[in-house]
Amino acid sequence: MDEELPTHRKWGVHVIAAQHFDGTLTLGDSHEYAPDFDPDTRTEVDDLVLEALRGFVRVPDLRIAARWQGIYLKSKVGQTQVVLHPRERVTMVTAMGGIGMTVSWGCARKTVESWTKSS
């Protein structure tokens, strides 16, 4: 990695793609690990993600419509999700360590389904 893709490695670039029913894609992502870092979004990192995706997927109109950035806690005890119910009809869910793109849709579905099962 250091020889072939040093910039990808520096910014923790890896490609995840999820296609939605309307044909749009959710793409990601990169990870920067540090006790303190600049919260700005870097277009050059977005370009690295798109470049890597183009290496194995053909997308006719590949452009970014929206961005989001997360700053995540990292668990030192191995716990990856925290689900809290601080009061009636309130559920708080967080995933540790930047695994949101990987687990968020399944976690959201499971959480919403739990509301209907408990009613």
PDB file of N, CA and C in Angstrom:
ATOM      1  N   MET A   1       0.821  -1.192   0.000  1.00  0.00           N
ATOM      2  CA  MET A   1       0.000   0.000   0.000  1.00  0.00           C
ATOM      3  C   MET A   1       0.864   1.254   0.000  1.00  0.00           C
ATOM      4  N   ASP A   2       1.896   1.254   0.816  1.00  0.00           N
ATOM      5  CA  ASP A   2       2.734   2.451   0.903  1.00  0.00           C
ATOM      6  C   ASP A   2       3.400   2.786  -0.431  1.00  0.00           C
ATOM      7  N   GLU A   3       3.779   1.765  -1.189  1.00  0.00           N
ATOM      8  CA  GLU A   3       4.417   1.995  -2.490  1.00  0.00           C
ATOM      9  C   GLU A   3       3.404   2.294  -3.583  1.00  0.00           C
ATOM     10  N   GLU A   4       2.313   1.528  -3.650  1.00  0.00           N
ATOM     11  CA  GLU A   4       1.362   1.655  -4.750  1.00  0.00           C
ATOM     12  C   GLU A   4       0.338   2.766  -4.569  1.00  0.00           C
ATOM     13  N   LEU A   5      -0.128   2.968  -3.356  1.00  0.00           N
ATOM     14  CA  LEU A   5      -1.193   3.948  -3.111  1.00  0.00           C
ATOM     15  C   LEU A   5      -0.912   4.764  -1.838  1.00  0.00           C
ATOM     16  N   PRO A   6       0.215   5.460  -1.803  1.00  0.00           N
ATOM     17  CA  PRO A   6       0.570   6.151  -0.559  1.00  0.00           C
ATOM     18  C   PRO A   6      -0.437   7.221  -0.133  1.00  0.00           C
ATOM     19  N   THR A   7      -1.021   7.944  -1.074  1.00  0.00           N
ATOM     20  CA  THR A   7      -1.975   8.990  -0.708  1.00  0.00           C
ATOM     21  C   THR A   7      -3.285   8.388  -0.226  1.00  0.00           C
ATOM     22  N   HIS A   8      -3.704   7.290  -0.859  1.00  0.00           N
ATOM     23  CA  HIS A   8      -4.907   6.588  -0.395  1.00  0.00           C
ATOM     24  C   HIS A   8      -4.709   6.109   1.043  1.00  0.00           C
ATOM     25  N   ARG A   9      -3.548   5.573   1.300  1.00  0.00           N
ATOM     26  CA  ARG A   9      -3.255   5.069   2.656  1.00  0.00           C
ATOM     27  C   ARG A   9      -3.194   6.210   3.672  1.00  0.00           C
ATOM     28  N   LYS A  10      -2.574   7.306   3.271  1.00  0.00           N
ATOM     29  CA  LYS A  10      -2.460   8.454   4.177  1.00  0.00           C
ATOM     30  C   LYS A  10      -3.834   8.910   4.660  1.00  0.00           C
ATOM     31  N   TRP A  11      -4.816   8.935   3.757  1.00  0.00           N
ATOM     32  CA  TRP A  11      -6.155   9.406   4.105  1.00  0.00           C
ATOM     33  C   TRP A  11      -7.126   8.284   4.438  1.00  0.00           C
ATOM     34  N   GLY A  12      -6.641   7.055   4.524  1.00  0.00           N
ATOM     35  CA  GLY A  12      -7.499   5.928   4.905  1.00  0.00           C
ATOM     36  C   GLY A  12      -8.601   5.655   3.892  1.00  0.00           C
ATOM     37  N   VAL A  13      -8.318   5.859   2.611  1.00  0.00           N
ATOM     38  CA  VAL A  13      -9.331   5.690   1.565  1.00  0.00           C
ATOM     39  C   VAL A  13      -9.590   4.216   1.320  1.00  0.00           C
ATOM     40  N   HIS A  14     -10.841   3.855   1.358  1.00  0.00           N
ATOM     41  CA  HIS A  14     -11.311   2.542   0.932  1.00  0.00           C
ATOM     42  C   HIS A  14     -12.693   2.762   0.342  1.00  0.00           C
ATOM     43  N   VAL A  15     -13.077   1.926  -0.587  1.00  0.00           N
ATOM     44  CA  VAL A  15     -14.316   2.200  -1.320  1.00  0.00           C
ATOM     45  C   VAL A  15     -15.430   1.268  -0.875  1.00  0.00           C
ATOM     46  N   ILE A  16     -16.542   1.885  -0.530  1.00  0.00           N
ATOM     47  CA  ILE A  16     -17.776   1.189  -0.203  1.00  0.00           C
ATOM     48  C   ILE A  16     -18.848   1.834  -1.061  1.00  0.00           C
ATOM     49  N   ALA A  17     -19.676   1.038  -1.714  1.00  0.00           N
ATOM     50  CA  ALA A  17     -20.755   1.588  -2.533  1.00  0.00           C
ATOM     51  C   ALA A  17     -22.037   0.833  -2.233  1.00  0.00           C
ATOM     52  N   ALA A  18     -23.106   1.584  -2.024  1.00  0.00           N
ATOM     53  CA  ALA A  18     -24.427   0.999  -1.802  1.00  0.00           C
ATOM     54  C   ALA A  18     -25.396   1.682  -2.764  1.00  0.00           C
ATOM     55  N   GLN A  19     -26.074   0.879  -3.592  1.00  0.00           N
ATOM     56  CA  GLN A  19     -27.027   1.455  -4.538  1.00  0.00           C
ATOM     57  C   GLN A  19     -28.424   1.429  -3.940  1.00  0.00           C
ATOM     58  N   HIS A  20     -29.136   2.540  -4.127  1.00  0.00           N
ATOM     59  CA  HIS A  20     -30.494   2.673  -3.610  1.00  0.00           C
ATOM     60  C   HIS A  20     -31.511   2.341  -4.696  1.00  0.00           C
ATOM     61  N   PHE A  21     -32.774   2.212  -4.310  1.00  0.00           N
ATOM     62  CA  PHE A  21     -33.830   1.833  -5.249  1.00  0.00           C
ATOM     63  C   PHE A  21     -33.939   2.783  -6.432  1.00  0.00           C
ATOM     64  N   ASP A  22     -33.651   4.066  -6.228  1.00  0.00           N
ATOM     65  CA  ASP A  22     -33.750   5.040  -7.322  1.00  0.00           C
ATOM     66  C   ASP A  22     -32.501   5.074  -8.193  1.00  0.00           C
ATOM     67  N   GLY A  23     -31.538   4.199  -7.930  1.00  0.00           N
ATOM     68  CA  GLY A  23     -30.327   4.120  -8.732  1.00  0.00           C
ATOM     69  C   GLY A  23     -29.167   4.945  -8.207  1.00  0.00           C
ATOM     70  N   THR A  24     -29.411   5.838  -7.254  1.00  0.00           N
ATOM     71  CA  THR A  24     -28.326   6.636  -6.701  1.00  0.00           C
ATOM     72  C   THR A  24     -27.417   5.754  -5.848  1.00  0.00           C
ATOM     73  N   LEU A  25     -26.232   6.242  -5.630  1.00  0.00           N
ATOM     74  CA  LEU A  25     -25.241   5.504  -4.841  1.00  0.00           C
ATOM     75  C   LEU A  25     -24.863   6.297  -3.601  1.00  0.00           C
ATOM     76  N   THR A  26     -24.624   5.588  -2.533  1.00  0.00           N
ATOM     77  CA  THR A  26     -23.946   6.156  -1.382  1.00  0.00           C
ATOM     78  C   THR A  26     -22.537   5.593  -1.427  1.00  0.00           C
ATOM     79  N   LEU A  27     -21.566   6.476  -1.431  1.00  0.00           N
ATOM     80  CA  LEU A  27     -20.169   6.073  -1.579  1.00  0.00           C
ATOM     81  C   LEU A  27     -19.356   6.487  -0.369  1.00  0.00           C
ATOM     82  N   GLY A  28     -18.322   5.782  -0.144  1.00  0.00           N
ATOM     83  CA  GLY A  28     -17.380   6.178   0.897  1.00  0.00           C
ATOM     84  C   GLY A  28     -16.118   5.386   0.710  1.00  0.00           C
ATOM     85  N   ASP A  29     -15.235   5.594   1.480  1.00  0.00           N
ATOM     86  CA  ASP A  29     -15.033   6.698   2.360  1.00  0.00           C
ATOM     87  C   ASP A  29     -13.580   6.771   2.718  1.00  0.00           C
ATOM     88  N   SER A  30     -13.258   7.597   3.653  1.00  0.00           N
ATOM     89  CA  SER A  30     -11.881   7.713   4.134  1.00  0.00           C
ATOM     90  C   SER A  30     -11.929   7.877   5.642  1.00  0.00           C
ATOM     91  N   HIS A  31     -10.846   7.537   6.277  1.00  0.00           N
ATOM     92  CA  HIS A  31     -10.749   7.673   7.723  1.00  0.00           C
ATOM     93  C   HIS A  31      -9.435   8.342   8.068  1.00  0.00           C
ATOM     94  N   GLU A  32      -9.529   9.316   8.933  1.00  0.00           N
ATOM     95  CA  GLU A  32      -8.334   9.966   9.455  1.00  0.00           C
ATOM     96  C   GLU A  32      -8.349   9.751  10.959  1.00  0.00           C
ATOM     97  N   TYR A  33      -7.309   9.135  11.472  1.00  0.00           N
ATOM     98  CA  TYR A  33      -7.248   8.834  12.892  1.00  0.00           C
ATOM     99  C   TYR A  33      -6.235   9.751  13.569  1.00  0.00           C
ATOM    100  N   ALA A  34      -6.693  10.464  14.583  1.00  0.00           N
ATOM    101  CA  ALA A  34      -5.802  11.343  15.331  1.00  0.00           C
ATOM    102  C   ALA A  34      -6.543  11.845  16.559  1.00  0.00           C
ATOM    103  N   PRO A  35      -5.827  12.216  17.589  1.00  0.00           N
ATOM    104  CA  PRO A  35      -6.498  12.783  18.755  1.00  0.00           C
ATOM    105  C   PRO A  35      -7.124  14.139  18.434  1.00  0.00           C
ATOM    106  N   ASP A  36      -6.573  14.858  17.443  1.00  0.00           N
ATOM    107  CA  ASP A  36      -7.107  16.145  17.024  1.00  0.00           C
ATOM    108  C   ASP A  36      -6.776  16.307  15.539  1.00  0.00           C
ATOM    109  N   PHE A  37      -7.727  16.813  14.755  1.00  0.00           N
ATOM    110  CA  PHE A  37      -7.483  16.967  13.335  1.00  0.00           C
ATOM    111  C   PHE A  37      -8.397  18.039  12.765  1.00  0.00           C
ATOM    112  N   ASP A  38      -8.090  18.454  11.555  1.00  0.00           N
ATOM    113  CA  ASP A  38      -8.841  19.491  10.859  1.00  0.00           C
ATOM    114  C   ASP A  38     -10.176  18.910  10.391  1.00  0.00           C
ATOM    115  N   PRO A  39     -11.298  19.510  10.766  1.00  0.00           N
ATOM    116  CA  PRO A  39     -12.602  18.944  10.398  1.00  0.00           C
ATOM    117  C   PRO A  39     -13.055  19.283   8.980  1.00  0.00           C
ATOM    118  N   ASP A  40     -12.262  20.015   8.212  1.00  0.00           N
ATOM    119  CA  ASP A  40     -12.674  20.381   6.856  1.00  0.00           C
ATOM    120  C   ASP A  40     -12.720  19.169   5.937  1.00  0.00           C
ATOM    121  N   THR A  41     -13.663  19.195   4.992  1.00  0.00           N
ATOM    122  CA  THR A  41     -13.756  18.162   3.958  1.00  0.00           C
ATOM    123  C   THR A  41     -12.735  18.492   2.878  1.00  0.00           C
ATOM    124  N   ARG A  42     -12.022  17.492   2.412  1.00  0.00           N
ATOM    125  CA  ARG A  42     -10.996  17.690   1.391  1.00  0.00           C
ATOM    126  C   ARG A  42     -11.466  17.107   0.059  1.00  0.00           C
ATOM    127  N   THR A  43     -11.610  17.953  -0.951  1.00  0.00           N
ATOM    128  CA  THR A  43     -12.051  17.467  -2.258  1.00  0.00           C
ATOM    129  C   THR A  43     -11.038  16.506  -2.860  1.00  0.00           C
ATOM    130  N   GLU A  44      -9.755  16.679  -2.532  1.00  0.00           N
ATOM    131  CA  GLU A  44      -8.758  15.757  -3.086  1.00  0.00           C
ATOM    132  C   GLU A  44      -8.955  14.338  -2.545  1.00  0.00           C
ATOM    133  N   VAL A  45      -9.490  14.210  -1.344  1.00  0.00           N
ATOM    134  CA  VAL A  45      -9.789  12.887  -0.793  1.00  0.00           C
ATOM    135  C   VAL A  45     -11.029  12.318  -1.483  1.00  0.00           C
ATOM    136  N   ASP A  46     -12.044  13.161  -1.730  1.00  0.00           N
ATOM    137  CA  ASP A  46     -13.209  12.715  -2.513  1.00  0.00           C
ATOM    138  C   ASP A  46     -12.760  12.193  -3.874  1.00  0.00           C
ATOM    139  N   ASP A  47     -11.831  12.905  -4.496  1.00  0.00           N
ATOM    140  CA  ASP A  47     -11.324  12.486  -5.806  1.00  0.00           C
ATOM    141  C   ASP A  47     -10.629  11.133  -5.733  1.00  0.00           C
ATOM    142  N   LEU A  48      -9.917  10.868  -4.641  1.00  0.00           N
ATOM    143  CA  LEU A  48      -9.266   9.564  -4.475  1.00  0.00           C
ATOM    144  C   LEU A  48     -10.299   8.443  -4.375  1.00  0.00           C
ATOM    145  N   VAL A  49     -11.393   8.687  -3.649  1.00  0.00           N
ATOM    146  CA  VAL A  49     -12.463   7.687  -3.537  1.00  0.00           C
ATOM    147  C   VAL A  49     -13.064   7.421  -4.912  1.00  0.00           C
ATOM    148  N   LEU A  50     -13.378   8.485  -5.665  1.00  0.00           N
ATOM    149  CA  LEU A  50     -13.966   8.318  -6.997  1.00  0.00           C
ATOM    150  C   LEU A  50     -13.004   7.612  -7.952  1.00  0.00           C
ATOM    151  N   GLU A  51     -11.738   7.961  -7.867  1.00  0.00           N
ATOM    152  CA  GLU A  51     -10.715   7.315  -8.702  1.00  0.00           C
ATOM    153  C   GLU A  51     -10.663   5.813  -8.428  1.00  0.00           C
ATOM    154  N   ALA A  52     -10.671   5.449  -7.151  1.00  0.00           N
ATOM    155  CA  ALA A  52     -10.637   4.028  -6.795  1.00  0.00           C
ATOM    156  C   ALA A  52     -11.898   3.319  -7.270  1.00  0.00           C
ATOM    157  N   LEU A  53     -13.052   3.949  -7.133  1.00  0.00           N
ATOM    158  CA  LEU A  53     -14.313   3.345  -7.587  1.00  0.00           C
ATOM    159  C   LEU A  53     -14.290   3.117  -9.094  1.00  0.00           C
ATOM    160  N   ARG A  54     -13.799   4.093  -9.843  1.00  0.00           N
ATOM    161  CA  ARG A  54     -13.728   3.955 -11.303  1.00  0.00           C
ATOM    162  C   ARG A  54     -12.853   2.774 -11.725  1.00  0.00           C
ATOM    163  N   GLY A  55     -11.997   2.320 -10.829  1.00  0.00           N
ATOM    164  CA  GLY A  55     -11.132   1.190 -11.140  1.00  0.00           C
ATOM    165  C   GLY A  55     -11.867  -0.134 -11.236  1.00  0.00           C
ATOM    166  N   PHE A  56     -13.090  -0.220 -10.690  1.00  0.00           N
ATOM    167  CA  PHE A  56     -13.802  -1.502 -10.747  1.00  0.00           C
ATOM    168  C   PHE A  56     -15.300  -1.389 -11.018  1.00  0.00           C
ATOM    169  N   VAL A  57     -15.836  -0.177 -11.164  1.00  0.00           N
ATOM    170  CA  VAL A  57     -17.265  -0.017 -11.429  1.00  0.00           C
ATOM    171  C   VAL A  57     -17.450   1.021 -12.531  1.00  0.00           C
ATOM    172  N   ARG A  58     -18.369   0.733 -13.441  1.00  0.00           N
ATOM    173  CA  ARG A  58     -18.729   1.726 -14.453  1.00  0.00           C
ATOM    174  C   ARG A  58     -20.002   2.431 -14.011  1.00  0.00           C
ATOM    175  N   VAL A  59     -19.892   3.720 -13.831  1.00  0.00           N
ATOM    176  CA  VAL A  59     -21.037   4.546 -13.461  1.00  0.00           C
ATOM    177  C   VAL A  59     -21.117   5.654 -14.503  1.00  0.00           C
ATOM    178  N   PRO A  60     -22.245   5.719 -15.242  1.00  0.00           N
ATOM    179  CA  PRO A  60     -22.327   6.684 -16.343  1.00  0.00           C
ATOM    180  C   PRO A  60     -22.197   8.146 -15.920  1.00  0.00           C
ATOM    181  N   ASP A  61     -22.740   8.513 -14.780  1.00  0.00           N
ATOM    182  CA  ASP A  61     -22.730   9.914 -14.359  1.00  0.00           C
ATOM    183  C   ASP A  61     -22.240   9.973 -12.914  1.00  0.00           C
ATOM    184  N   LEU A  62     -20.941   9.890 -12.757  1.00  0.00           N
ATOM    185  CA  LEU A  62     -20.360   9.807 -11.425  1.00  0.00           C
ATOM    186  C   LEU A  62     -19.944  11.194 -10.950  1.00  0.00           C
ATOM    187  N   ARG A  63     -20.814  11.798 -10.123  1.00  0.00           N
ATOM    188  CA  ARG A  63     -20.497  13.079  -9.507  1.00  0.00           C
ATOM    189  C   ARG A  63     -21.121  13.106  -8.119  1.00  0.00           C
ATOM    190  N   ILE A  64     -20.545  13.899  -7.267  1.00  0.00           N
ATOM    191  CA  ILE A  64     -20.999  13.960  -5.883  1.00  0.00           C
ATOM    192  C   ILE A  64     -22.138  14.964  -5.764  1.00  0.00           C
ATOM    193  N   ALA A  65     -23.277  14.501  -5.243  1.00  0.00           N
ATOM    194  CA  ALA A  65     -24.440  15.366  -5.048  1.00  0.00           C
ATOM    195  C   ALA A  65     -24.472  15.943  -3.643  1.00  0.00           C
ATOM    196  N   ALA A  66     -23.978  15.218  -2.674  1.00  0.00           N
ATOM    197  CA  ALA A  66     -23.987  15.685  -1.283  1.00  0.00           C
ATOM    198  C   ALA A  66     -22.863  14.981  -0.530  1.00  0.00           C
ATOM    199  N   ARG A  67     -22.427  15.616   0.532  1.00  0.00           N
ATOM    200  CA  ARG A  67     -21.355  15.058   1.366  1.00  0.00           C
ATOM    201  C   ARG A  67     -21.778  15.096   2.822  1.00  0.00           C
ATOM    202  N   TRP A  68     -21.183  14.227   3.606  1.00  0.00           N
ATOM    203  CA  TRP A  68     -21.302  14.357   5.050  1.00  0.00           C
ATOM    204  C   TRP A  68     -19.990  13.903   5.654  1.00  0.00           C
ATOM    205  N   GLN A  69     -19.766  14.369   6.835  1.00  0.00           N
ATOM    206  CA  GLN A  69     -18.534  14.015   7.524  1.00  0.00           C
ATOM    207  C   GLN A  69     -18.875  13.672   8.960  1.00  0.00           C
ATOM    208  N   GLY A  70     -18.309  12.609   9.418  1.00  0.00           N
ATOM    209  CA  GLY A  70     -18.535  12.221  10.801  1.00  0.00           C
ATOM    210  C   GLY A  70     -17.242  12.263  11.590  1.00  0.00           C
ATOM    211  N   ILE A  71     -17.381  12.602  12.822  1.00  0.00           N
ATOM    212  CA  ILE A  71     -16.260  12.504  13.757  1.00  0.00           C
ATOM    213  C   ILE A  71     -16.702  11.510  14.808  1.00  0.00           C
ATOM    214  N   TYR A  72     -15.982  10.428  14.913  1.00  0.00           N
ATOM    215  CA  TYR A  72     -16.422   9.296  15.697  1.00  0.00           C
ATOM    216  C   TYR A  72     -15.553   9.062  16.918  1.00  0.00           C
ATOM    217  N   LEU A  73     -16.191   8.572  17.941  1.00  0.00           N
ATOM    218  CA  LEU A  73     -15.469   8.081  19.104  1.00  0.00           C
ATOM    219  C   LEU A  73     -14.880   6.725  18.766  1.00  0.00           C
ATOM    220  N   LYS A  74     -13.833   6.368  19.403  1.00  0.00           N
ATOM    221  CA  LYS A  74     -13.251   5.042  19.220  1.00  0.00           C
ATOM    222  C   LYS A  74     -13.277   4.339  20.563  1.00  0.00           C
ATOM    223  N   SER A  75     -13.897   3.189  20.588  1.00  0.00           N
ATOM    224  CA  SER A  75     -14.002   2.429  21.826  1.00  0.00           C
ATOM    225  C   SER A  75     -12.664   1.776  22.158  1.00  0.00           C
ATOM    226  N   LYS A  76     -12.291   1.881  23.393  1.00  0.00           N
ATOM    227  CA  LYS A  76     -11.073   1.210  23.853  1.00  0.00           C
ATOM    228  C   LYS A  76     -11.395  -0.116  24.526  1.00  0.00           C
ATOM    229  N   VAL A  77     -12.704  -0.473  24.603  1.00  0.00           N
ATOM    230  CA  VAL A  77     -13.103  -1.718  25.258  1.00  0.00           C
ATOM    231  C   VAL A  77     -13.806  -2.682  24.303  1.00  0.00           C
ATOM    232  N   GLY A  78     -13.830  -2.336  23.008  1.00  0.00           N
ATOM    233  CA  GLY A  78     -14.396  -3.253  22.020  1.00  0.00           C
ATOM    234  C   GLY A  78     -15.887  -3.119  21.774  1.00  0.00           C
ATOM    235  N   GLN A  79     -16.566  -2.237  22.458  1.00  0.00           N
ATOM    236  CA  GLN A  79     -17.998  -2.046  22.237  1.00  0.00           C
ATOM    237  C   GLN A  79     -18.181  -1.213  20.971  1.00  0.00           C
ATOM    238  N   THR A  80     -18.976  -1.705  20.017  1.00  0.00           N
ATOM    239  CA  THR A  80     -19.125  -1.002  18.753  1.00  0.00           C
ATOM    240  C   THR A  80     -20.410  -0.197  18.638  1.00  0.00           C
ATOM    241  N   GLN A  81     -21.414  -0.502  19.431  1.00  0.00           N
ATOM    242  CA  GLN A  81     -22.660   0.246  19.360  1.00  0.00           C
ATOM    243  C   GLN A  81     -23.160   0.551  20.764  1.00  0.00           C
ATOM    244  N   VAL A  82     -23.764   1.725  20.891  1.00  0.00           N
ATOM    245  CA  VAL A  82     -24.395   2.107  22.136  1.00  0.00           C
ATOM    246  C   VAL A  82     -25.824   2.512  21.799  1.00  0.00           C
ATOM    247  N   VAL A  83     -26.797   1.891  22.458  1.00  0.00           N
ATOM    248  CA  VAL A  83     -28.210   2.215  22.267  1.00  0.00           C
ATOM    249  C   VAL A  83     -28.764   2.645  23.618  1.00  0.00           C
ATOM    250  N   LEU A  84     -29.283   3.849  23.663  1.00  0.00           N
ATOM    251  CA  LEU A  84     -29.825   4.393  24.900  1.00  0.00           C
ATOM    252  C   LEU A  84     -31.292   4.773  24.704  1.00  0.00           C
ATOM    253  N   HIS A  85     -32.056   4.647  25.748  1.00  0.00           N
ATOM    254  CA  HIS A  85     -33.460   5.061  25.761  1.00  0.00           C
ATOM    255  C   HIS A  85     -33.624   6.044  26.923  1.00  0.00           C
ATOM    256  N   PRO A  86     -33.220   7.317  26.729  1.00  0.00           N
ATOM    257  CA  PRO A  86     -33.204   8.256  27.850  1.00  0.00           C
ATOM    258  C   PRO A  86     -34.588   8.631  28.379  1.00  0.00           C
ATOM    259  N   ARG A  87     -35.598   8.494  27.544  1.00  0.00           N
ATOM    260  CA  ARG A  87     -36.972   8.717  28.000  1.00  0.00           C
ATOM    261  C   ARG A  87     -37.925   8.090  27.001  1.00  0.00           C
ATOM    262  N   GLU A  88     -39.178   8.074  27.326  1.00  0.00           N
ATOM    263  CA  GLU A  88     -40.184   7.446  26.465  1.00  0.00           C
ATOM    264  C   GLU A  88     -40.160   8.072  25.070  1.00  0.00           C
ATOM    265  N   ARG A  89     -40.209   7.212  24.049  1.00  0.00           N
ATOM    266  CA  ARG A  89     -40.251   7.593  22.638  1.00  0.00           C
ATOM    267  C   ARG A  89     -38.971   8.254  22.136  1.00  0.00           C
ATOM    268  N   VAL A  90     -37.864   8.045  22.837  1.00  0.00           N
ATOM    269  CA  VAL A  90     -36.571   8.574  22.407  1.00  0.00           C
ATOM    270  C   VAL A  90     -35.570   7.428  22.402  1.00  0.00           C
ATOM    271  N   THR A  91     -34.949   7.212  21.248  1.00  0.00           N
ATOM    272  CA  THR A  91     -33.895   6.208  21.128  1.00  0.00           C
ATOM    273  C   THR A  91     -32.660   6.904  20.578  1.00  0.00           C
ATOM    274  N   MET A  92     -31.540   6.707  21.222  1.00  0.00           N
ATOM    275  CA  MET A  92     -30.268   7.247  20.750  1.00  0.00           C
ATOM    276  C   MET A  92     -29.359   6.069  20.398  1.00  0.00           C
ATOM    277  N   VAL A  93     -28.805   6.111  19.186  1.00  0.00           N
ATOM    278  CA  VAL A  93     -27.935   5.035  18.727  1.00  0.00           C
ATOM    279  C   VAL A  93     -26.665   5.655  18.175  1.00  0.00           C
ATOM    280  N   THR A  94     -25.541   5.122  18.567  1.00  0.00           N
ATOM    281  CA  THR A  94     -24.277   5.541  17.980  1.00  0.00           C
ATOM    282  C   THR A  94     -23.411   4.306  17.753  1.00  0.00           C
ATOM    283  N   ALA A  95     -22.604   4.373  16.723  1.00  0.00           N
ATOM    284  CA  ALA A  95     -21.655   3.302  16.439  1.00  0.00           C
ATOM    285  C   ALA A  95     -20.255   3.881  16.586  1.00  0.00           C
ATOM    286  N   MET A  96     -19.410   3.166  17.242  1.00  0.00           N
ATOM    287  CA  MET A  96     -18.055   3.639  17.513  1.00  0.00           C
ATOM    288  C   MET A  96     -17.113   3.331  16.352  1.00  0.00           C
ATOM    289  N   GLY A  97     -16.115   4.155  16.208  1.00  0.00           N
ATOM    290  CA  GLY A  97     -14.976   3.837  15.365  1.00  0.00           C
ATOM    291  C   GLY A  97     -15.165   4.003  13.874  1.00  0.00           C
ATOM    292  N   GLY A  98     -16.166   4.746  13.425  1.00  0.00           N
ATOM    293  CA  GLY A  98     -16.319   5.002  12.001  1.00  0.00           C
ATOM    294  C   GLY A  98     -16.917   3.855  11.214  1.00  0.00           C
ATOM    295  N   ILE A  99     -17.792   3.064  11.825  1.00  0.00           N
ATOM    296  CA  ILE A  99     -18.413   1.954  11.092  1.00  0.00           C
ATOM    297  C   ILE A  99     -19.814   2.297  10.608  1.00  0.00           C
ATOM    298  N   GLY A 100     -20.139   3.587  10.610  1.00  0.00           N
ATOM    299  CA  GLY A 100     -21.481   4.022  10.246  1.00  0.00           C
ATOM    300  C   GLY A 100     -21.902   3.635   8.839  1.00  0.00           C
ATOM    301  N   MET A 101     -21.029   3.824   7.854  1.00  0.00           N
ATOM    302  CA  MET A 101     -21.371   3.480   6.470  1.00  0.00           C
ATOM    303  C   MET A 101     -21.636   1.985   6.359  1.00  0.00           C
ATOM    304  N   THR A 102     -20.932   1.216   7.122  1.00  0.00           N
ATOM    305  CA  THR A 102     -21.052  -0.232   7.063  1.00  0.00           C
ATOM    306  C   THR A 102     -22.322  -0.740   7.732  1.00  0.00           C
ATOM    307  N   VAL A 103     -22.667  -0.180   8.873  1.00  0.00           N
ATOM    308  CA  VAL A 103     -23.775  -0.743   9.645  1.00  0.00           C
ATOM    309  C   VAL A 103     -24.997   0.159   9.796  1.00  0.00           C
ATOM    310  N   SER A 104     -24.928   1.407   9.326  1.00  0.00           N
ATOM    311  CA  SER A 104     -25.994   2.364   9.650  1.00  0.00           C
ATOM    312  C   SER A 104     -27.364   1.958   9.128  1.00  0.00           C
ATOM    313  N   TRP A 105     -27.452   1.470   7.894  1.00  0.00           N
ATOM    314  CA  TRP A 105     -28.775   1.141   7.334  1.00  0.00           C
ATOM    315  C   TRP A 105     -29.392  -0.039   8.068  1.00  0.00           C
ATOM    316  N   GLY A 106     -28.615  -1.051   8.360  1.00  0.00           N
ATOM    317  CA  GLY A 106     -29.127  -2.191   9.110  1.00  0.00           C
ATOM    318  C   GLY A 106     -29.483  -1.818  10.540  1.00  0.00           C
ATOM    319  N   CYS A 107     -28.655  -0.982  11.143  1.00  0.00           N
ATOM    320  CA  CYS A 107     -28.917  -0.534  12.505  1.00  0.00           C
ATOM    321  C   CYS A 107     -30.184   0.323  12.548  1.00  0.00           C
ATOM    322  N   ALA A 108     -30.361   1.186  11.557  1.00  0.00           N
ATOM    323  CA  ALA A 108     -31.569   2.028  11.499  1.00  0.00           C
ATOM    324  C   ALA A 108     -32.817   1.166  11.348  1.00  0.00           C
ATOM    325  N   ARG A 109     -32.747   0.191  10.453  1.00  0.00           N
ATOM    326  CA  ARG A 109     -33.905  -0.697  10.251  1.00  0.00           C
ATOM    327  C   ARG A 109     -34.239  -1.453  11.536  1.00  0.00           C
ATOM    328  N   LYS A 110     -33.228  -2.011  12.164  1.00  0.00           N
ATOM    329  CA  LYS A 110     -33.433  -2.756  13.406  1.00  0.00           C
ATOM    330  C   LYS A 110     -34.026  -1.865  14.496  1.00  0.00           C
ATOM    331  N   THR A 111     -33.538  -0.630  14.576  1.00  0.00           N
ATOM    332  CA  THR A 111     -34.050   0.292  15.587  1.00  0.00           C
ATOM    333  C   THR A 111     -35.509   0.635  15.330  1.00  0.00           C
ATOM    334  N   VAL A 112     -35.863   0.970  14.091  1.00  0.00           N
ATOM    335  CA  VAL A 112     -37.245   1.323  13.763  1.00  0.00           C
ATOM    336  C   VAL A 112     -38.158   0.112  13.967  1.00  0.00           C
ATOM    337  N   GLU A 113     -37.725  -1.073  13.567  1.00  0.00           N
ATOM    338  CA  GLU A 113     -38.527  -2.279  13.786  1.00  0.00           C
ATOM    339  C   GLU A 113     -38.756  -2.523  15.285  1.00  0.00           C
ATOM    340  N   SER A 114     -37.782  -2.176  16.108  1.00  0.00           N
ATOM    341  CA  SER A 114     -37.946  -2.379  17.546  1.00  0.00           C
ATOM    342  C   SER A 114     -39.047  -1.467  18.104  1.00  0.00           C
ATOM    343  N   TRP A 115     -39.271  -0.329  17.489  1.00  0.00           N
ATOM    344  CA  TRP A 115     -40.341   0.566  17.938  1.00  0.00           C
ATOM    345  C   TRP A 115     -41.704  -0.058  17.713  1.00  0.00           C
ATOM    346  N   THR A 116     -41.892  -0.726  16.570  1.00  0.00           N
ATOM    347  CA  THR A 116     -43.190  -1.314  16.274  1.00  0.00           C
ATOM    348  C   THR A 116     -43.424  -2.582  17.082  1.00  0.00           C
ATOM    349  N   LYS A 117     -42.356  -3.293  17.412  1.00  0.00           N
ATOM    350  CA  LYS A 117     -42.494  -4.518  18.213  1.00  0.00           C
ATOM    351  C   LYS A 117     -42.807  -4.202  19.667  1.00  0.00           C
ATOM    352  N   SER A 118     -42.317  -3.067  20.141  1.00  0.00           N
ATOM    353  CA  SER A 118     -42.547  -2.732  21.549  1.00  0.00           C
ATOM    354  C   SER A 118     -43.852  -1.974  21.766  1.00  0.00           C
ATOM    355  N   SER A 119     -44.547  -1.608  20.696  1.00  0.00           N
ATOM    356  CA  SER A 119     -45.803  -0.861  20.832  1.00  0.00           C
ATOM    357  C   SER A 119     -46.962  -1.762  21.146  1.00  0.00           C
TER     358      SER A 119
END
